[in-house]
Amino acid sequence: DADAPAAHTMALLFAASALHAIGGSVWETQLPAVLQTIFADDHDKAAAMANLKMWQSLGVSVLFAMSFGCSLTLQSVAQLALLVVAAGSICVAHRRVVDLDSGRRR
């Protein structure tokens, strides 16, 4: 009994889904690669990877909890803010800690 969605609504839905999938796959692969580059010679690599998984799980839990009491706009703004912080952290690590292209420490 529901009306069929407009074509532009469906196109936007699929485009946003594709963008989300690409972004998710980049963050799921590049963050571990960055950590493994930073801790290439240390035996702290296992601890760094475990710490990454812990923060990922905590983030998913917080966003799940936010879905019950917060608006979609607030959730989106929170995710965007955390994404900016994460990208900034990677830039700082690249410029001050280790060259992420070669793996050499600064």
N, C-alpha and C. Protein backbone atom coordinates (compact mmCIF):
# COMPACT_ATOMS: atom_id res chain seq x y z
N ASP A 1 0.80 -1.19 0.00
CA ASP A 1 0.00 0.00 0.00
C ASP A 1 0.86 1.27 0.00
N ALA A 2 2.16 1.12 0.19
CA ALA A 2 3.04 2.29 0.25
C ALA A 2 3.35 2.80 -1.15
N ASP A 3 3.60 4.08 -1.25
CA ASP A 3 4.00 4.67 -2.53
C ASP A 3 5.42 4.25 -2.87
N ALA A 4 5.68 4.07 -4.14
CA ALA A 4 7.04 3.75 -4.58
C ALA A 4 7.91 4.99 -4.42
N PRO A 5 9.16 4.80 -3.96
CA PRO A 5 10.03 5.97 -3.80
C PRO A 5 10.41 6.56 -5.16
N ALA A 6 10.72 7.83 -5.15
CA ALA A 6 11.14 8.50 -6.39
C ALA A 6 12.50 7.97 -6.83
N ALA A 7 12.78 8.08 -8.10
CA ALA A 7 14.04 7.57 -8.65
C ALA A 7 15.24 8.27 -8.04
N HIS A 8 15.15 9.58 -7.81
CA HIS A 8 16.29 10.29 -7.23
C HIS A 8 16.53 9.87 -5.78
N THR A 9 15.48 9.50 -5.07
CA THR A 9 15.63 9.00 -3.71
C THR A 9 16.38 7.68 -3.72
N MET A 10 16.03 6.80 -4.63
CA MET A 10 16.72 5.51 -4.73
C MET A 10 18.18 5.70 -5.16
N ALA A 11 18.43 6.61 -6.09
CA ALA A 11 19.80 6.87 -6.54
C ALA A 11 20.65 7.41 -5.39
N LEU A 12 20.09 8.33 -4.60
CA LEU A 12 20.80 8.88 -3.45
C LEU A 12 21.07 7.79 -2.42
N LEU A 13 20.10 6.92 -2.19
CA LEU A 13 20.28 5.83 -1.24
C LEU A 13 21.42 4.91 -1.66
N PHE A 14 21.45 4.52 -2.93
CA PHE A 14 22.51 3.63 -3.39
C PHE A 14 23.87 4.32 -3.43
N ALA A 15 23.89 5.60 -3.79
CA ALA A 15 25.16 6.34 -3.80
C ALA A 15 25.71 6.49 -2.39
N ALA A 16 24.85 6.80 -1.43
CA ALA A 16 25.29 6.93 -0.05
C ALA A 16 25.76 5.59 0.50
N SER A 17 25.07 4.52 0.14
CA SER A 17 25.48 3.18 0.59
C SER A 17 26.85 2.80 0.01
N ALA A 18 27.06 3.12 -1.25
CA ALA A 18 28.35 2.82 -1.88
C ALA A 18 29.46 3.64 -1.23
N LEU A 19 29.21 4.93 -0.97
CA LEU A 19 30.20 5.78 -0.33
C LEU A 19 30.52 5.28 1.07
N HIS A 20 29.51 4.87 1.80
CA HIS A 20 29.72 4.33 3.14
C HIS A 20 30.56 3.05 3.08
N ALA A 21 30.27 2.18 2.13
CA ALA A 21 31.02 0.93 1.99
C ALA A 21 32.49 1.19 1.64
N ILE A 22 32.73 2.13 0.76
CA ILE A 22 34.11 2.47 0.39
C ILE A 22 34.85 3.06 1.59
N GLY A 23 34.21 3.99 2.26
CA GLY A 23 34.83 4.59 3.45
C GLY A 23 35.11 3.58 4.54
N GLY A 24 34.15 2.69 4.77
CA GLY A 24 34.35 1.65 5.78
C GLY A 24 35.49 0.72 5.43
N SER A 25 35.60 0.34 4.17
CA SER A 25 36.68 -0.57 3.78
C SER A 25 38.04 0.11 3.88
N VAL A 26 38.10 1.40 3.58
CA VAL A 26 39.37 2.12 3.72
C VAL A 26 39.79 2.19 5.17
N TRP A 27 38.87 2.56 6.07
CA TRP A 27 39.23 2.66 7.48
C TRP A 27 39.53 1.30 8.09
N GLU A 28 38.88 0.24 7.62
CA GLU A 28 39.15 -1.10 8.15
C GLU A 28 40.50 -1.65 7.70
N THR A 29 41.03 -1.17 6.58
CA THR A 29 42.31 -1.69 6.09
C THR A 29 43.46 -0.73 6.36
N GLN A 30 43.23 0.56 6.27
CA GLN A 30 44.33 1.50 6.37
C GLN A 30 44.79 1.75 7.80
N LEU A 31 43.88 1.77 8.75
CA LEU A 31 44.31 1.96 10.14
C LEU A 31 45.20 0.82 10.62
N PRO A 32 44.86 -0.45 10.39
CA PRO A 32 45.81 -1.51 10.77
C PRO A 32 47.13 -1.40 10.02
N ALA A 33 47.09 -1.00 8.76
CA ALA A 33 48.34 -0.85 8.00
C ALA A 33 49.20 0.26 8.59
N VAL A 34 48.58 1.36 8.99
CA VAL A 34 49.33 2.45 9.60
C VAL A 34 49.95 1.99 10.91
N LEU A 35 49.18 1.32 11.75
CA LEU A 35 49.72 0.84 13.03
C LEU A 35 50.85 -0.16 12.82
N GLN A 36 50.71 -1.03 11.84
CA GLN A 36 51.76 -2.01 11.58
C GLN A 36 53.01 -1.33 11.02
N THR A 37 52.85 -0.20 10.35
CA THR A 37 54.00 0.56 9.88
C THR A 37 54.69 1.25 11.05
N ILE A 38 53.90 1.85 11.92
CA ILE A 38 54.48 2.56 13.07
C ILE A 38 55.20 1.59 14.00
N PHE A 39 54.61 0.43 14.25
CA PHE A 39 55.19 -0.54 15.18
C PHE A 39 55.83 -1.71 14.44
N ALA A 40 56.49 -1.46 13.33
CA ALA A 40 57.03 -2.53 12.49
C ALA A 40 58.09 -3.35 13.21
N ASP A 41 58.97 -2.71 13.95
CA ASP A 41 60.07 -3.43 14.60
C ASP A 41 59.82 -3.73 16.07
N ASP A 42 58.79 -3.18 16.62
CA ASP A 42 58.53 -3.35 18.05
C ASP A 42 57.70 -4.60 18.32
N HIS A 43 57.81 -5.12 19.53
CA HIS A 43 56.91 -6.22 19.90
C HIS A 43 55.62 -5.65 20.47
N ASP A 44 55.42 -4.35 20.30
CA ASP A 44 54.18 -3.72 20.73
C ASP A 44 53.11 -3.78 19.65
N LYS A 45 53.42 -4.43 18.52
CA LYS A 45 52.46 -4.48 17.41
C LYS A 45 51.17 -5.16 17.83
N ALA A 46 51.28 -6.27 18.58
CA ALA A 46 50.07 -6.98 19.02
C ALA A 46 49.24 -6.10 19.95
N ALA A 47 49.90 -5.35 20.82
CA ALA A 47 49.18 -4.46 21.73
C ALA A 47 48.51 -3.34 20.95
N ALA A 48 49.18 -2.81 19.94
CA ALA A 48 48.60 -1.74 19.12
C ALA A 48 47.37 -2.24 18.38
N MET A 49 47.44 -3.44 17.82
CA MET A 49 46.30 -3.99 17.09
C MET A 49 45.13 -4.29 18.04
N ALA A 50 45.44 -4.81 19.22
CA ALA A 50 44.39 -5.07 20.21
C ALA A 50 43.75 -3.76 20.66
N ASN A 51 44.56 -2.72 20.83
CA ASN A 51 44.04 -1.42 21.23
C ASN A 51 43.13 -0.86 20.14
N LEU A 52 43.51 -1.02 18.87
CA LEU A 52 42.67 -0.57 17.77
C LEU A 52 41.32 -1.28 17.80
N LYS A 53 41.32 -2.58 17.97
CA LYS A 53 40.07 -3.34 18.01
C LYS A 53 39.20 -2.93 19.20
N MET A 54 39.85 -2.64 20.33
CA MET A 54 39.10 -2.20 21.50
C MET A 54 38.39 -0.87 21.22
N TRP A 55 39.11 0.10 20.61
CA TRP A 55 38.51 1.40 20.30
C TRP A 55 37.42 1.27 19.25
N GLN A 56 37.62 0.38 18.28
CA GLN A 56 36.57 0.15 17.28
C GLN A 56 35.31 -0.40 17.94
N SER A 57 35.48 -1.36 18.82
CA SER A 57 34.33 -1.96 19.51
C SER A 57 33.63 -0.94 20.40
N LEU A 58 34.42 -0.14 21.09
CA LEU A 58 33.83 0.90 21.94
C LEU A 58 33.05 1.90 21.10
N GLY A 59 33.60 2.29 19.95
CA GLY A 59 32.90 3.23 19.07
C GLY A 59 31.58 2.67 18.56
N VAL A 60 31.59 1.41 18.16
CA VAL A 60 30.36 0.77 17.69
C VAL A 60 29.33 0.72 18.82
N SER A 61 29.77 0.40 20.02
CA SER A 61 28.86 0.33 21.17
C SER A 61 28.25 1.70 21.48
N VAL A 62 29.06 2.73 21.44
CA VAL A 62 28.56 4.08 21.72
C VAL A 62 27.55 4.50 20.66
N LEU A 63 27.87 4.25 19.39
CA LEU A 63 26.94 4.62 18.32
C LEU A 63 25.65 3.82 18.41
N PHE A 64 25.75 2.56 18.80
CA PHE A 64 24.54 1.75 18.99
C PHE A 64 23.69 2.33 20.12
N ALA A 65 24.33 2.73 21.22
CA ALA A 65 23.59 3.32 22.33
C ALA A 65 22.97 4.66 21.93
N MET A 66 23.70 5.44 21.11
CA MET A 66 23.17 6.73 20.66
C MET A 66 21.94 6.55 19.76
N SER A 67 21.84 5.43 19.10
CA SER A 67 20.73 5.24 18.17
C SER A 67 19.38 5.17 18.88
N PHE A 68 19.39 4.91 20.18
CA PHE A 68 18.13 4.81 20.91
C PHE A 68 17.62 6.15 21.41
N GLY A 69 18.54 7.09 21.68
CA GLY A 69 18.06 8.32 22.29
C GLY A 69 18.43 9.60 21.56
N CYS A 70 19.21 9.49 20.51
CA CYS A 70 19.69 10.69 19.82
C CYS A 70 19.14 10.74 18.40
N SER A 71 19.05 11.94 17.89
CA SER A 71 18.56 12.10 16.53
C SER A 71 19.63 11.65 15.54
N LEU A 72 19.18 11.39 14.33
CA LEU A 72 20.10 10.97 13.28
C LEU A 72 21.10 12.08 12.96
N THR A 73 20.67 13.31 13.08
CA THR A 73 21.57 14.44 12.83
C THR A 73 22.70 14.46 13.85
N LEU A 74 22.38 14.28 15.12
CA LEU A 74 23.40 14.27 16.17
C LEU A 74 24.36 13.11 15.97
N GLN A 75 23.83 11.95 15.61
CA GLN A 75 24.69 10.79 15.36
C GLN A 75 25.64 11.06 14.21
N SER A 76 25.13 11.67 13.14
CA SER A 76 25.95 11.98 11.97
C SER A 76 27.04 12.98 12.31
N VAL A 77 26.69 14.01 13.07
CA VAL A 77 27.67 15.01 13.46
C VAL A 77 28.75 14.38 14.35
N ALA A 78 28.35 13.51 15.27
CA ALA A 78 29.32 12.84 16.14
C ALA A 78 30.27 11.98 15.32
N GLN A 79 29.74 11.23 14.36
CA GLN A 79 30.59 10.40 13.51
C GLN A 79 31.54 11.24 12.68
N LEU A 80 31.04 12.33 12.13
CA LEU A 80 31.88 13.21 11.32
C LEU A 80 32.98 13.84 12.17
N ALA A 81 32.65 14.26 13.36
CA ALA A 81 33.66 14.86 14.25
C ALA A 81 34.74 13.85 14.60
N LEU A 82 34.34 12.62 14.90
CA LEU A 82 35.33 11.59 15.22
C LEU A 82 36.17 11.23 14.01
N LEU A 83 35.58 11.26 12.84
CA LEU A 83 36.33 11.00 11.62
C LEU A 83 37.39 12.07 11.39
N VAL A 84 37.05 13.33 11.65
CA VAL A 84 38.01 14.42 11.50
C VAL A 84 39.14 14.26 12.51
N VAL A 85 38.82 13.89 13.74
CA VAL A 85 39.85 13.67 14.76
C VAL A 85 40.77 12.52 14.35
N ALA A 86 40.19 11.44 13.84
CA ALA A 86 41.00 10.29 13.42
C ALA A 86 41.92 10.66 12.26
N ALA A 87 41.40 11.36 11.27
CA ALA A 87 42.22 11.77 10.12
C ALA A 87 43.32 12.73 10.57
N GLY A 88 43.00 13.63 11.46
CA GLY A 88 44.01 14.54 11.99
C GLY A 88 45.10 13.80 12.76
N SER A 89 44.71 12.79 13.51
CA SER A 89 45.69 11.99 14.25
C SER A 89 46.64 11.27 13.31
N ILE A 90 46.11 10.77 12.22
CA ILE A 90 46.96 10.09 11.25
C ILE A 90 47.94 11.09 10.62
N CYS A 91 47.48 12.30 10.33
CA CYS A 91 48.37 13.33 9.77
C CYS A 91 49.47 13.69 10.75
N VAL A 92 49.13 13.84 12.03
CA VAL A 92 50.13 14.16 13.05
C VAL A 92 51.13 13.01 13.16
N ALA A 93 50.66 11.78 13.16
CA ALA A 93 51.57 10.63 13.23
C ALA A 93 52.50 10.61 12.02
N HIS A 94 51.98 10.94 10.86
CA HIS A 94 52.81 10.95 9.65
C HIS A 94 53.88 12.03 9.71
N ARG A 95 53.54 13.19 10.23
CA ARG A 95 54.48 14.31 10.24
C ARG A 95 55.45 14.28 11.41
N ARG A 96 55.05 13.69 12.55
CA ARG A 96 55.90 13.78 13.74
C ARG A 96 56.45 12.45 14.24
N VAL A 97 55.80 11.33 13.94
CA VAL A 97 56.22 10.05 14.53
C VAL A 97 56.96 9.18 13.52
N VAL A 98 56.30 8.88 12.42
CA VAL A 98 56.89 7.98 11.44
C VAL A 98 56.38 8.35 10.05
N ASP A 99 57.27 8.24 9.07
CA ASP A 99 56.86 8.48 7.69
C ASP A 99 56.04 7.28 7.24
N LEU A 100 54.78 7.45 7.01
CA LEU A 100 53.89 6.33 6.71
C LEU A 100 54.12 5.77 5.31
N ASP A 101 54.86 6.50 4.48
CA ASP A 101 55.18 5.99 3.15
C ASP A 101 56.35 5.01 3.19
N SER A 102 57.35 5.32 4.00
CA SER A 102 58.55 4.47 4.03
C SER A 102 58.68 3.65 5.31
N GLY A 103 58.02 4.05 6.38
CA GLY A 103 58.13 3.34 7.65
C GLY A 103 59.28 3.84 8.52
N ARG A 104 60.02 4.86 8.07
CA ARG A 104 61.13 5.38 8.85
C ARG A 104 60.64 6.29 9.96
N ARG A 105 61.22 6.12 11.13
CA ARG A 105 60.86 6.97 12.27
C ARG A 105 61.44 8.36 12.07
N ARG A 106 60.74 9.37 12.60
CA ARG A 106 61.21 10.76 12.47
C ARG A 106 62.01 11.15 13.68
